[in-house]
Protein backbone atom coordinates (compact mmCIF):
# COMPACT_ATOMS: atom_id res chain seq x y z
CA MET A 1 -194.93 -14.00 -23.20
CA LYS A 2 -193.92 -16.07 -26.20
CA ASN A 3 -190.62 -15.47 -27.99
CA SER A 4 -192.44 -14.80 -31.26
CA GLU A 5 -194.50 -12.03 -29.63
CA ILE A 6 -191.41 -10.44 -28.11
CA ASN A 7 -189.63 -10.58 -31.48
CA ARG A 8 -192.63 -9.09 -33.28
CA GLU A 9 -193.00 -6.22 -30.81
CA ALA A 10 -189.26 -5.42 -30.74
CA GLU A 11 -189.19 -5.53 -34.55
CA LYS A 12 -192.12 -3.13 -34.75
CA ILE A 13 -190.61 -0.69 -32.26
CA GLY A 14 -187.12 -0.70 -33.81
CA SER A 15 -188.60 -0.23 -37.27
CA THR A 16 -190.99 2.52 -36.16
CA ILE A 17 -188.19 4.50 -34.51
CA PHE A 18 -185.96 4.09 -37.58
CA LYS A 19 -188.78 5.41 -39.81
CA ALA A 20 -189.58 8.26 -37.39
CA ILE A 21 -185.96 9.41 -37.55
CA GLY A 22 -186.31 9.54 -41.33
CA SER A 23 -182.74 8.66 -42.24
CA ARG A 24 -181.86 6.47 -45.23
CA THR A 25 -179.33 4.52 -43.16
CA PRO A 26 -179.32 3.71 -39.44
CA SER A 27 -177.43 6.14 -37.23
CA LEU A 28 -176.50 5.70 -33.56
CA LEU A 29 -176.26 9.45 -33.07
CA GLU A 30 -179.72 10.01 -34.54
CA LEU A 31 -181.16 7.24 -32.34
CA ILE A 32 -179.65 8.80 -29.23
CA LYS A 33 -180.94 12.24 -30.21
CA TRP A 34 -184.40 10.80 -30.92
CA MET A 35 -184.48 9.06 -27.53
CA GLU A 36 -183.33 12.22 -25.75
CA ASP A 37 -185.80 14.47 -27.59
CA ASN A 38 -188.79 12.17 -27.27
CA PHE A 39 -188.28 10.79 -23.78
CA GLY A 40 -186.69 13.83 -22.16
CA ILE A 41 -183.62 11.91 -21.07
CA ARG A 42 -179.88 12.22 -21.63
CA ILE A 43 -177.65 9.38 -22.80
CA LYS A 44 -173.87 9.33 -22.49
CA VAL A 45 -171.95 6.60 -24.33
CA GLY A 46 -168.41 5.50 -23.50
CA SER A 47 -166.07 2.60 -23.93
CA GLY A 48 -165.46 0.32 -21.00
CA THR A 49 -162.00 1.55 -20.13
CA SER A 50 -162.86 3.31 -16.90
CA ASP A 51 -164.99 2.86 -13.79
CA GLY A 52 -163.85 -0.76 -13.56
CA PHE A 53 -166.09 -1.77 -16.47
CA HIS A 54 -163.25 -3.53 -18.28
CA GLN A 55 -162.74 -5.78 -15.27
CA VAL A 56 -166.19 -7.37 -15.58
CA SER A 57 -165.63 -10.54 -17.58
CA GLY A 58 -168.05 -11.58 -20.27
CA LEU A 59 -169.86 -8.26 -20.39
CA SER A 60 -170.24 -6.64 -23.82
CA GLY A 61 -172.22 -3.67 -22.60
CA LEU A 62 -173.96 -2.06 -19.68
CA GLU A 63 -176.49 0.69 -19.12
CA TYR A 64 -177.57 2.42 -15.94
CA PHE A 65 -178.91 5.76 -14.78
CA ASP A 66 -176.23 7.98 -13.23
CA PRO A 67 -177.96 10.48 -10.92
CA SER A 68 -174.80 12.56 -10.60
CA LEU A 69 -175.01 13.29 -14.36
CA GLY A 70 -178.78 13.12 -14.65
CA ALA A 71 -178.17 10.82 -17.61
CA TYR A 72 -178.15 7.21 -18.65
CA ARG A 73 -174.66 5.80 -19.11
CA VAL A 74 -174.09 3.25 -21.85
CA TRP A 75 -170.80 1.36 -21.82
CA PHE A 76 -169.40 -0.97 -24.46
CA ARG A 77 -166.34 -3.18 -24.50
CA GLN A 78 -163.52 -1.34 -26.27
CA SER A 79 -161.87 -4.55 -27.45
CA ASP A 80 -164.93 -5.57 -29.53
CA SER A 81 -165.08 -4.79 -33.25
CA SER A 82 -166.81 -1.54 -34.17
CA GLY A 83 -169.72 -3.51 -35.64
CA ARG A 84 -170.19 -5.41 -32.38
CA GLN A 85 -169.90 -2.15 -30.44
CA ASN A 86 -172.68 -0.57 -32.55
CA PHE A 87 -174.99 -3.52 -31.88
CA THR A 88 -174.15 -3.47 -28.17
CA ILE A 89 -174.87 0.26 -27.87
CA VAL A 90 -178.28 -0.08 -29.54
CA HIS A 91 -179.00 -3.20 -27.45
CA GLU A 92 -178.31 -1.17 -24.29
CA ILE A 93 -180.50 1.67 -25.60
CA GLY A 94 -183.21 -1.00 -25.89
CA HIS A 95 -182.92 -1.48 -22.12
CA ILE A 96 -183.31 2.27 -21.64
CA PHE A 97 -186.38 2.15 -23.89
CA LEU A 98 -187.90 -0.58 -21.70
CA ASN A 99 -187.46 1.72 -18.69
CA SER A 100 -188.92 4.82 -20.39
CA PRO A 101 -192.49 6.16 -20.61
CA ARG A 102 -192.96 4.64 -24.06
CA GLU A 103 -196.75 4.26 -23.83
CA LYS A 104 -197.30 7.92 -24.75
CA PHE A 105 -195.93 7.06 -28.21
CA GLY A 106 -198.16 4.02 -28.59
CA PHE A 107 -195.28 1.62 -27.94
CA HIS A 108 -195.78 -1.43 -25.82
CA ASP A 109 -193.10 -3.88 -24.81
CA GLY A 110 -195.44 -6.85 -24.66
CA ASN A 111 -194.96 -7.13 -20.88
CA VAL A 112 -191.32 -8.09 -21.05
CA TYR A 113 -190.39 -8.57 -17.41
CA ASP A 114 -187.91 -11.38 -16.91
CA ARG A 115 -184.22 -10.98 -17.77
CA GLN A 116 -184.17 -13.50 -20.61
CA ASP A 117 -187.17 -11.86 -22.31
CA GLN A 118 -185.57 -8.42 -21.90
CA GLU A 119 -182.37 -9.64 -23.55
CA ARG A 120 -184.38 -11.15 -26.43
CA PHE A 121 -186.30 -7.88 -26.84
CA CYS A 122 -183.12 -5.77 -26.82
CA ASN A 123 -181.33 -8.02 -29.32
CA ARG A 124 -184.25 -7.92 -31.74
CA PHE A 125 -184.70 -4.15 -31.21
CA ALA A 126 -181.02 -3.60 -32.07
CA ALA A 127 -181.28 -5.79 -35.17
CA ALA A 128 -184.47 -4.07 -36.34
CA PHE A 129 -183.03 -0.59 -35.88
CA LEU A 130 -179.53 -1.20 -37.26
CA MET A 131 -180.65 -3.50 -40.09
CA PRO A 132 -184.21 -2.40 -40.97
CA LYS A 133 -186.10 -5.27 -42.55
CA ASP A 134 -187.03 -3.63 -45.87
CA LEU A 135 -183.63 -2.02 -46.36
CA PHE A 136 -181.83 -5.24 -45.41
CA ILE A 137 -183.85 -7.32 -47.88
CA GLU A 138 -183.39 -4.71 -50.61
CA LYS A 139 -179.61 -4.63 -50.14
CA TRP A 140 -179.39 -8.42 -49.82
CA HIS A 141 -181.19 -9.03 -53.12
CA ALA A 142 -179.20 -6.31 -54.91
CA LEU A 143 -175.94 -8.15 -54.21
CA GLU A 144 -174.96 -10.90 -56.62
CA ASP A 145 -171.94 -12.14 -54.65
CA ASP A 146 -171.64 -15.56 -53.11
CA LEU A 147 -172.89 -15.86 -49.53
CA THR A 148 -169.54 -15.04 -47.86
CA PHE A 149 -168.96 -11.85 -49.84
CA LYS A 150 -172.62 -10.87 -49.60
CA LYS A 151 -172.36 -11.01 -45.80
CA LEU A 152 -169.14 -8.98 -45.87
CA ARG A 153 -170.78 -6.27 -47.96
CA MET A 154 -173.76 -6.20 -45.62
CA VAL A 155 -171.40 -5.87 -42.63
CA SER A 156 -169.77 -2.90 -44.34
CA PHE A 157 -173.05 -1.21 -45.23
CA PHE A 158 -174.86 -1.69 -41.91
CA LYS A 159 -171.76 -1.33 -39.70
CA VAL A 160 -172.54 -4.41 -37.62
CA SER A 161 -170.74 -7.70 -37.04
CA GLY A 162 -170.81 -10.67 -39.39
CA GLU A 163 -172.65 -12.61 -36.72
CA ALA A 164 -175.39 -9.94 -36.58
CA VAL A 165 -175.77 -10.02 -40.38
CA HIS A 166 -175.94 -13.83 -40.35
CA TYR A 167 -178.67 -13.93 -37.69
CA ARG A 168 -180.64 -11.13 -39.36
CA ALA A 169 -180.52 -12.87 -42.74
CA LYS A 170 -181.62 -16.09 -41.06
CA GLU A 171 -184.54 -14.54 -39.18
CA LEU A 172 -185.69 -12.84 -42.41
CA GLY A 173 -185.58 -16.18 -44.26
CA LEU A 174 -182.79 -15.13 -46.63
CA ILE A 175 -180.50 -18.04 -45.74
């Protein structure tokens, strides 16, 4: 599958879920609740300070199903900024989405099977949910600051990292 198709499908799914939740601003808690309510699963989120997670170098996040809890576990690196943690959590929820019975909601992942395509999908899903296209563009154009301060204000509003704002603005053709 082509990268553009993966991006388009992840964008559509992230946006659709954001709209279905009906919130004015993206919310991790509302996303988790929506996933639990609509897919009949449980999700537990924690920082990577236990279970040896912190010892795995280079890992920002991890998700897996824990049968002892009957829930998906999502871990994030505690030393990352809160904006990076938010993106990582939603990225990992994207992996859970790929493993869920999404077809009953009319969602399709575009046959994302290999690891690189899954990572692309989850990154774009996280960007689309946390920084919804229309809202991002609206906020971007409302700011009259220079580029550096505009990015900082967007970081503050969307609660993501500066790097995430930069890539989102770039993929939306704003910079």
